[in-house]
Amino acid sequence: MQNPTPSDLPRRALVTGASRGIGRAIAHGLAQAGYDVALVSRSLDTLKPVEESLLSYGVVAKAYAVDLAEQEGLRDRLAAVLDDFGPLGVVVNNAGMGYTGALDTMPLADWQRVMDLNVTSVFQCLQAVLPVLRASGGGTIVNIASVAAKSAFPDWGAYTVSKAALVALSRVLAVEERPHGIRVVTVSPGAVNTPLWDTDTVQADFDRSSMLTPEIVAQTVLYAILMPPQAVIEDLTLMPAGGAL
């Protein structure tokens, strides 16, 4: 049986971490391209303005408050979102956290918190969405990693390991899901000017004006999603033109 083309698959997408930064920009890009979008983040208060802005594109947008950091029962909560929203053709795993701190003094609880959100929550999301994508005949999964997965930066050890694990997870997933018509794309941006730099878990002083913008990352993600069905961008590194910060 021939795999469906992107035009045959549901123009419906799920985006995690959709309330701000890269996730919000990707949600806008998908809506502009005619995709209905399920928006997932911790708080409905921050998601609702995004939902309302996407409706202006003439698509369906629905906000779902799911705390991906709460591992217990996460797969079931995501499955409930999919039961409500319906078929999917695209999934973007964008939610994650930044963390800086030396490995020798890092509390175990902090290490586990980073791994839980940046890796394990993606694993649980994948287990929830794969049956839906398979039922649709295929689709595209985009996992947002980081250039840190391929480079060593002092004090970014936990974050680096989590993103390297996400890259490895994506590679295995791509091989396992290829027979089901599911493409897996890993996008590894360099520094992006997002609210991550304002969080209390990140202590870094970089020139944010030289960083990529969320919209540039979103354009790249959308390009990968809209590739012809005979091709897939499996691993893409996107850097600021000025290089690493």
C-alpha atoms as a PDB file:
ATOM      1  CA  MET A   1       0.000   0.000   0.000  1.00  0.00           C
ATOM      2  CA  GLN A   2       1.401   3.387  -0.973  1.00  0.00           C
ATOM      3  CA  ASN A   3       1.928   5.837   1.868  1.00  0.00           C
ATOM      4  CA  PRO A   4      -0.297   8.925   1.812  1.00  0.00           C
ATOM      5  CA  THR A   5       1.196  12.214   0.721  1.00  0.00           C
ATOM      6  CA  PRO A   6       1.184  15.216   3.107  1.00  0.00           C
ATOM      7  CA  SER A   7      -1.862  16.547   1.231  1.00  0.00           C
ATOM      8  CA  ASP A   8      -3.730  13.275   1.964  1.00  0.00           C
ATOM      9  CA  LEU A   9      -2.959  13.373   5.682  1.00  0.00           C
ATOM     10  CA  PRO A  10      -5.027  15.428   8.128  1.00  0.00           C
ATOM     11  CA  ARG A  11      -3.925  19.054   8.132  1.00  0.00           C
ATOM     12  CA  ARG A  12      -4.028  18.930  11.882  1.00  0.00           C
ATOM     13  CA  ALA A  13      -1.103  19.375  14.257  1.00  0.00           C
ATOM     14  CA  LEU A  14      -0.247  19.198  17.939  1.00  0.00           C
ATOM     15  CA  VAL A  15       2.402  21.532  19.368  1.00  0.00           C
ATOM     16  CA  THR A  16       3.752  21.285  22.910  1.00  0.00           C
ATOM     17  CA  GLY A  17       5.159  24.304  24.715  1.00  0.00           C
ATOM     18  CA  ALA A  18       2.875  26.361  22.488  1.00  0.00           C
ATOM     19  CA  SER A  19       2.230  29.342  24.755  1.00  0.00           C
ATOM     20  CA  ARG A  20       5.428  31.238  23.999  1.00  0.00           C
ATOM     21  CA  GLY A  21       8.724  31.355  22.129  1.00  0.00           C
ATOM     22  CA  ILE A  22       9.439  28.735  19.484  1.00  0.00           C
ATOM     23  CA  GLY A  23       6.247  26.772  20.157  1.00  0.00           C
ATOM     24  CA  ARG A  24       4.010  29.776  19.689  1.00  0.00           C
ATOM     25  CA  ALA A  25       5.813  30.751  16.478  1.00  0.00           C
ATOM     26  CA  ILE A  26       5.476  27.209  15.102  1.00  0.00           C
ATOM     27  CA  ALA A  27       1.769  27.180  15.953  1.00  0.00           C
ATOM     28  CA  HIS A  28       1.318  30.429  14.015  1.00  0.00           C
ATOM     29  CA  GLY A  29       3.269  29.065  11.055  1.00  0.00           C
ATOM     30  CA  LEU A  30       1.173  25.914  10.943  1.00  0.00           C
ATOM     31  CA  ALA A  31      -2.081  27.849  11.192  1.00  0.00           C
ATOM     32  CA  GLN A  32      -1.007  30.166   8.384  1.00  0.00           C
ATOM     33  CA  ALA A  33      -0.338  27.043   6.305  1.00  0.00           C
ATOM     34  CA  GLY A  34      -3.896  25.876   6.935  1.00  0.00           C
ATOM     35  CA  TYR A  35      -3.349  23.445   9.809  1.00  0.00           C
ATOM     36  CA  ASP A  36      -5.763  23.077  12.692  1.00  0.00           C
ATOM     37  CA  VAL A  37      -3.647  23.187  15.842  1.00  0.00           C
ATOM     38  CA  ALA A  38      -3.901  21.611  19.280  1.00  0.00           C
ATOM     39  CA  LEU A  39      -1.960  23.831  21.667  1.00  0.00           C
ATOM     40  CA  VAL A  40      -0.421  22.188  24.728  1.00  0.00           C
ATOM     41  CA  SER A  41       1.211  23.960  27.652  1.00  0.00           C
ATOM     42  CA  ARG A  42       0.942  24.185  31.432  1.00  0.00           C
ATOM     43  CA  SER A  43      -1.502  27.069  31.696  1.00  0.00           C
ATOM     44  CA  LEU A  44      -4.723  27.889  29.886  1.00  0.00           C
ATOM     45  CA  ASP A  45      -4.206  31.535  30.814  1.00  0.00           C
ATOM     46  CA  THR A  46      -1.104  31.729  28.613  1.00  0.00           C
ATOM     47  CA  LEU A  47      -2.515  29.471  25.889  1.00  0.00           C
ATOM     48  CA  LYS A  48      -5.838  31.237  25.369  1.00  0.00           C
ATOM     49  CA  PRO A  49      -4.357  34.365  23.711  1.00  0.00           C
ATOM     50  CA  VAL A  50      -2.485  32.089  21.288  1.00  0.00           C
ATOM     51  CA  GLU A  51      -5.650  30.128  20.572  1.00  0.00           C
ATOM     52  CA  GLU A  52      -7.577  33.326  19.843  1.00  0.00           C
ATOM     53  CA  SER A  53      -4.859  34.691  17.556  1.00  0.00           C
ATOM     54  CA  LEU A  54      -4.785  31.476  15.496  1.00  0.00           C
ATOM     55  CA  LEU A  55      -8.524  31.596  14.883  1.00  0.00           C
ATOM     56  CA  SER A  56      -7.958  34.654  12.675  1.00  0.00           C
ATOM     57  CA  TYR A  57      -6.349  32.324  10.109  1.00  0.00           C
ATOM     58  CA  GLY A  58      -9.643  30.492   9.651  1.00  0.00           C
ATOM     59  CA  VAL A  59      -8.472  27.257  11.276  1.00  0.00           C
ATOM     60  CA  VAL A  60      -9.487  25.323  14.355  1.00  0.00           C
ATOM     61  CA  ALA A  61      -7.297  26.000  17.390  1.00  0.00           C
ATOM     62  CA  LYS A  62      -7.831  24.418  20.793  1.00  0.00           C
ATOM     63  CA  ALA A  63      -5.871  24.985  23.984  1.00  0.00           C
ATOM     64  CA  TYR A  64      -5.128  22.166  26.423  1.00  0.00           C
ATOM     65  CA  ALA A  65      -3.520  22.657  29.834  1.00  0.00           C
ATOM     66  CA  VAL A  66      -1.161  19.720  30.387  1.00  0.00           C
ATOM     67  CA  ASP A  67       1.861  19.962  32.678  1.00  0.00           C
ATOM     68  CA  LEU A  68       4.433  17.828  30.887  1.00  0.00           C
ATOM     69  CA  ALA A  69       6.697  17.933  33.944  1.00  0.00           C
ATOM     70  CA  GLU A  70       4.206  15.762  35.848  1.00  0.00           C
ATOM     71  CA  GLN A  71       5.207  12.304  34.648  1.00  0.00           C
ATOM     72  CA  GLU A  72       2.597  10.272  36.487  1.00  0.00           C
ATOM     73  CA  GLY A  73      -0.355   9.695  34.162  1.00  0.00           C
ATOM     74  CA  LEU A  74       1.057  11.973  31.460  1.00  0.00           C
ATOM     75  CA  ARG A  75       0.501   9.562  28.599  1.00  0.00           C
ATOM     76  CA  ASP A  76      -3.153   9.173  29.585  1.00  0.00           C
ATOM     77  CA  ARG A  77      -3.654  12.932  29.827  1.00  0.00           C
ATOM     78  CA  LEU A  78      -2.180  13.399  26.358  1.00  0.00           C
ATOM     79  CA  ALA A  79      -4.325  10.570  25.011  1.00  0.00           C
ATOM     80  CA  ALA A  80      -7.378  12.419  26.344  1.00  0.00           C
ATOM     81  CA  VAL A  81      -6.275  15.517  24.409  1.00  0.00           C
ATOM     82  CA  LEU A  82      -6.052  13.449  21.228  1.00  0.00           C
ATOM     83  CA  ASP A  83      -9.451  11.864  21.839  1.00  0.00           C
ATOM     84  CA  ASP A  84     -10.933  15.349  22.021  1.00  0.00           C
ATOM     85  CA  PHE A  85      -8.996  16.952  19.157  1.00  0.00           C
ATOM     86  CA  GLY A  86      -9.124  14.122  16.635  1.00  0.00           C
ATOM     87  CA  PRO A  87      -6.797  12.912  13.846  1.00  0.00           C
ATOM     88  CA  LEU A  88      -3.289  14.319  13.412  1.00  0.00           C
ATOM     89  CA  GLY A  89      -0.786  14.649  10.602  1.00  0.00           C
ATOM     90  CA  VAL A  90       1.919  16.569  12.487  1.00  0.00           C
ATOM     91  CA  VAL A  91       3.334  16.527  16.027  1.00  0.00           C
ATOM     92  CA  VAL A  92       5.894  19.061  17.260  1.00  0.00           C
ATOM     93  CA  ASN A  93       7.615  18.219  20.543  1.00  0.00           C
ATOM     94  CA  ASN A  94       8.910  21.627  21.535  1.00  0.00           C
ATOM     95  CA  ALA A  95       8.339  21.851  25.295  1.00  0.00           C
ATOM     96  CA  GLY A  96      11.487  21.818  27.373  1.00  0.00           C
ATOM     97  CA  MET A  97      13.531  23.723  29.906  1.00  0.00           C
ATOM     98  CA  GLY A  98      16.956  25.282  30.122  1.00  0.00           C
ATOM     99  CA  TYR A  99      19.295  24.676  33.021  1.00  0.00           C
ATOM    100  CA  THR A 100      22.773  25.886  33.906  1.00  0.00           C
ATOM    101  CA  GLY A 101      24.940  24.498  36.657  1.00  0.00           C
ATOM    102  CA  ALA A 102      28.212  22.634  37.117  1.00  0.00           C
ATOM    103  CA  LEU A 103      27.932  18.852  37.069  1.00  0.00           C
ATOM    104  CA  ASP A 104      29.945  18.356  40.250  1.00  0.00           C
ATOM    105  CA  THR A 105      27.533  20.320  42.440  1.00  0.00           C
ATOM    106  CA  MET A 106      24.237  19.701  40.636  1.00  0.00           C
ATOM    107  CA  PRO A 107      21.477  18.340  42.889  1.00  0.00           C
ATOM    108  CA  LEU A 108      20.103  15.003  41.723  1.00  0.00           C
ATOM    109  CA  ALA A 109      16.575  16.424  41.829  1.00  0.00           C
ATOM    110  CA  ASP A 110      17.574  19.137  39.341  1.00  0.00           C
ATOM    111  CA  TRP A 111      19.197  16.570  37.028  1.00  0.00           C
ATOM    112  CA  GLN A 112      16.062  14.445  37.088  1.00  0.00           C
ATOM    113  CA  ARG A 113      13.829  17.464  36.503  1.00  0.00           C
ATOM    114  CA  VAL A 114      15.723  18.347  33.315  1.00  0.00           C
ATOM    115  CA  MET A 115      15.655  14.748  32.036  1.00  0.00           C
ATOM    116  CA  ASP A 116      11.981  14.329  32.874  1.00  0.00           C
ATOM    117  CA  LEU A 117      10.857  17.358  30.896  1.00  0.00           C
ATOM    118  CA  ASN A 118      13.362  17.374  28.029  1.00  0.00           C
ATOM    119  CA  VAL A 119      13.413  13.622  27.346  1.00  0.00           C
ATOM    120  CA  THR A 120      10.875  11.537  29.246  1.00  0.00           C
ATOM    121  CA  SER A 121       7.923  13.805  28.533  1.00  0.00           C
ATOM    122  CA  VAL A 122       8.737  13.555  24.812  1.00  0.00           C
ATOM    123  CA  PHE A 123       8.875   9.758  25.130  1.00  0.00           C
ATOM    124  CA  GLN A 124       5.431   9.753  26.752  1.00  0.00           C
ATOM    125  CA  CYS A 125       4.038  12.128  24.152  1.00  0.00           C
ATOM    126  CA  LEU A 126       5.321   9.837  21.404  1.00  0.00           C
ATOM    127  CA  GLN A 127       3.620   6.836  22.966  1.00  0.00           C
ATOM    128  CA  ALA A 128       0.357   8.784  23.020  1.00  0.00           C
ATOM    129  CA  VAL A 129       0.512  10.125  19.453  1.00  0.00           C
ATOM    130  CA  LEU A 130       1.951   7.184  17.517  1.00  0.00           C
ATOM    131  CA  PRO A 131      -1.316   5.195  17.411  1.00  0.00           C
ATOM    132  CA  VAL A 132      -3.114   8.304  16.124  1.00  0.00           C
ATOM    133  CA  LEU A 133      -0.536   8.988  13.408  1.00  0.00           C
ATOM    134  CA  ARG A 134      -0.510   5.347  12.351  1.00  0.00           C
ATOM    135  CA  ALA A 135      -4.297   5.365  12.130  1.00  0.00           C
ATOM    136  CA  SER A 136      -4.074   8.409   9.850  1.00  0.00           C
ATOM    137  CA  GLY A 137      -1.658   6.549   7.573  1.00  0.00           C
ATOM    138  CA  GLY A 138       1.489   8.409   8.605  1.00  0.00           C
ATOM    139  CA  GLY A 139       2.631  11.915   9.398  1.00  0.00           C
ATOM    140  CA  THR A 140       5.567  13.979  10.585  1.00  0.00           C
ATOM    141  CA  ILE A 141       7.054  14.267  14.059  1.00  0.00           C
ATOM    142  CA  VAL A 142       9.370  17.198  14.745  1.00  0.00           C
ATOM    143  CA  ASN A 143      11.512  17.130  17.878  1.00  0.00           C
ATOM    144  CA  ILE A 144      13.151  20.416  18.886  1.00  0.00           C
ATOM    145  CA  ALA A 145      16.624  19.632  20.228  1.00  0.00           C
ATOM    146  CA  SER A 146      19.579  22.037  20.441  1.00  0.00           C
ATOM    147  CA  VAL A 147      23.052  22.607  19.071  1.00  0.00           C
ATOM    148  CA  ALA A 148      24.112  21.787  22.621  1.00  0.00           C
ATOM    149  CA  ALA A 149      23.445  18.130  21.764  1.00  0.00           C
ATOM    150  CA  LYS A 150      26.501  18.222  19.491  1.00  0.00           C
ATOM    151  CA  SER A 151      28.770  20.645  21.370  1.00  0.00           C
ATOM    152  CA  ALA A 152      30.038  20.975  24.924  1.00  0.00           C
ATOM    153  CA  PHE A 153      29.307  24.201  26.790  1.00  0.00           C
ATOM    154  CA  PRO A 154      30.509  24.713  30.390  1.00  0.00           C
ATOM    155  CA  ASP A 155      27.728  24.621  32.996  1.00  0.00           C
ATOM    156  CA  TRP A 156      25.180  23.289  30.472  1.00  0.00           C
ATOM    157  CA  GLY A 157      25.834  19.613  31.259  1.00  0.00           C
ATOM    158  CA  ALA A 158      22.320  18.462  32.176  1.00  0.00           C
ATOM    159  CA  TYR A 159      20.756  20.369  29.299  1.00  0.00           C
ATOM    160  CA  THR A 160      23.374  19.030  26.862  1.00  0.00           C
ATOM    161  CA  VAL A 161      22.845  15.429  27.914  1.00  0.00           C
ATOM    162  CA  SER A 162      19.061  15.782  27.705  1.00  0.00           C
ATOM    163  CA  LYS A 163      19.195  17.172  24.175  1.00  0.00           C
ATOM    164  CA  ALA A 164      21.721  14.555  23.049  1.00  0.00           C
ATOM    165  CA  ALA A 165      19.341  11.907  24.380  1.00  0.00           C
ATOM    166  CA  LEU A 166      16.502  13.521  22.432  1.00  0.00           C
ATOM    167  CA  VAL A 167      18.556  13.340  19.229  1.00  0.00           C
ATOM    168  CA  ALA A 168      19.242   9.641  19.834  1.00  0.00           C
ATOM    169  CA  LEU A 169      15.576   9.024  20.632  1.00  0.00           C
ATOM    170  CA  SER A 170      14.624  10.678  17.345  1.00  0.00           C
ATOM    171  CA  ARG A 171      17.010   8.518  15.340  1.00  0.00           C
ATOM    172  CA  VAL A 172      15.660   5.277  16.744  1.00  0.00           C
ATOM    173  CA  LEU A 173      12.086   6.485  16.341  1.00  0.00           C
ATOM    174  CA  ALA A 174      12.731   7.345  12.684  1.00  0.00           C
ATOM    175  CA  VAL A 175      13.864   3.792  11.940  1.00  0.00           C
ATOM    176  CA  GLU A 176      11.017   2.177  13.850  1.00  0.00           C
ATOM    177  CA  GLU A 177       8.266   4.331  12.361  1.00  0.00           C
ATOM    178  CA  ARG A 178       9.434   4.516   8.743  1.00  0.00           C
ATOM    179  CA  PRO A 179       7.355   1.426   7.793  1.00  0.00           C
ATOM    180  CA  HIS A 180       4.286   3.244   9.108  1.00  0.00           C
ATOM    181  CA  GLY A 181       4.819   6.279   6.881  1.00  0.00           C
ATOM    182  CA  ILE A 182       5.903   8.493   9.784  1.00  0.00           C
ATOM    183  CA  ARG A 183       8.795  10.881   9.195  1.00  0.00           C
ATOM    184  CA  VAL A 184      10.895  12.103  12.132  1.00  0.00           C
ATOM    185  CA  VAL A 185      12.697  15.433  11.980  1.00  0.00           C
ATOM    186  CA  THR A 186      15.171  16.692  14.582  1.00  0.00           C
ATOM    187  CA  VAL A 187      15.794  20.445  14.557  1.00  0.00           C
ATOM    188  CA  SER A 188      18.782  21.614  16.603  1.00  0.00           C
ATOM    189  CA  PRO A 189      18.849  25.420  16.838  1.00  0.00           C
ATOM    190  CA  GLY A 190      21.665  27.506  18.183  1.00  0.00           C
ATOM    191  CA  ALA A 191      20.774  30.267  20.631  1.00  0.00           C
ATOM    192  CA  VAL A 192      17.217  31.559  20.144  1.00  0.00           C
ATOM    193  CA  ASN A 193      15.876  34.732  21.726  1.00  0.00           C
ATOM    194  CA  THR A 194      13.074  33.248  23.842  1.00  0.00           C
ATOM    195  CA  PRO A 195      11.870  33.562  27.447  1.00  0.00           C
ATOM    196  CA  LEU A 196      14.132  30.603  28.331  1.00  0.00           C
ATOM    197  CA  TRP A 197      16.857  33.142  29.091  1.00  0.00           C
ATOM    198  CA  ASP A 198      14.615  34.800  31.680  1.00  0.00           C
ATOM    199  CA  THR A 199      13.902  31.661  33.707  1.00  0.00           C
ATOM    200  CA  ASP A 200      15.346  31.118  37.166  1.00  0.00           C
ATOM    201  CA  THR A 201      17.085  27.899  36.079  1.00  0.00           C
ATOM    202  CA  VAL A 202      19.295  29.649  33.508  1.00  0.00           C
ATOM    203  CA  GLN A 203      22.132  31.987  34.441  1.00  0.00           C
ATOM    204  CA  ALA A 204      23.765  33.266  31.247  1.00  0.00           C
ATOM    205  CA  ASP A 205      24.672  36.666  29.856  1.00  0.00           C
ATOM    206  CA  PHE A 206      24.554  36.581  26.057  1.00  0.00           C
ATOM    207  CA  ASP A 207      23.814  39.197  23.419  1.00  0.00           C
ATOM    208  CA  ARG A 208      20.228  38.287  22.660  1.00  0.00           C
ATOM    209  CA  SER A 209      20.095  40.623  19.667  1.00  0.00           C
ATOM    210  CA  SER A 210      22.487  38.258  17.858  1.00  0.00           C
ATOM    211  CA  MET A 211      20.355  35.183  18.466  1.00  0.00           C
ATOM    212  CA  LEU A 212      17.932  33.487  16.122  1.00  0.00           C
ATOM    213  CA  THR A 213      14.298  34.509  16.457  1.00  0.00           C
ATOM    214  CA  PRO A 214      11.500  32.025  17.152  1.00  0.00           C
ATOM    215  CA  GLU A 215      10.002  32.940  13.781  1.00  0.00           C
ATOM    216  CA  ILE A 216      13.170  31.859  11.939  1.00  0.00           C
ATOM    217  CA  VAL A 217      13.078  28.503  13.705  1.00  0.00           C
ATOM    218  CA  ALA A 218       9.369  28.169  12.890  1.00  0.00           C
ATOM    219  CA  GLN A 219      10.024  28.844   9.193  1.00  0.00           C
ATOM    220  CA  THR A 220      12.601  26.059   9.187  1.00  0.00           C
ATOM    221  CA  VAL A 221      10.268  23.622  10.950  1.00  0.00           C
ATOM    222  CA  LEU A 222       7.442  24.387   8.533  1.00  0.00           C
ATOM    223  CA  TYR A 223       9.758  23.865   5.564  1.00  0.00           C
ATOM    224  CA  ALA A 224      10.676  20.413   6.885  1.00  0.00           C
ATOM    225  CA  ILE A 225       7.030  19.516   7.475  1.00  0.00           C
ATOM    226  CA  LEU A 226       6.019  20.551   3.953  1.00  0.00           C
ATOM    227  CA  MET A 227       8.776  18.576   2.226  1.00  0.00           C
ATOM    228  CA  PRO A 228       7.569  16.215  -0.530  1.00  0.00           C
ATOM    229  CA  PRO A 229       6.681  12.765   0.819  1.00  0.00           C
ATOM    230  CA  GLN A 230       9.652  11.177  -0.968  1.00  0.00           C
ATOM    231  CA  ALA A 231      12.086  13.131   1.225  1.00  0.00           C
ATOM    232  CA  VAL A 232      12.730  13.872   4.873  1.00  0.00           C
ATOM    233  CA  ILE A 233      15.102  16.247   6.625  1.00  0.00           C
ATOM    234  CA  GLU A 234      16.134  13.919   9.412  1.00  0.00           C
ATOM    235  CA  ASP A 235      18.588  16.154  11.291  1.00  0.00           C
ATOM    236  CA  LEU A 236      18.878  19.890  10.828  1.00  0.00           C
ATOM    237  CA  THR A 237      21.180  22.306  12.664  1.00  0.00           C
ATOM    238  CA  LEU A 238      20.166  25.964  12.499  1.00  0.00           C
ATOM    239  CA  MET A 239      22.674  28.555  13.698  1.00  0.00           C
ATOM    240  CA  PRO A 240      22.775  32.338  14.028  1.00  0.00           C
ATOM    241  CA  ALA A 241      24.755  33.765  11.124  1.00  0.00           C
ATOM    242  CA  GLY A 242      27.331  35.078  13.604  1.00  0.00           C
ATOM    243  CA  GLY A 243      28.038  31.577  14.909  1.00  0.00           C
ATOM    244  CA  ALA A 244      27.756  30.170  18.433  1.00  0.00           C
ATOM    245  CA  LEU A 245      27.348  32.757  21.192  1.00  0.00           C
END
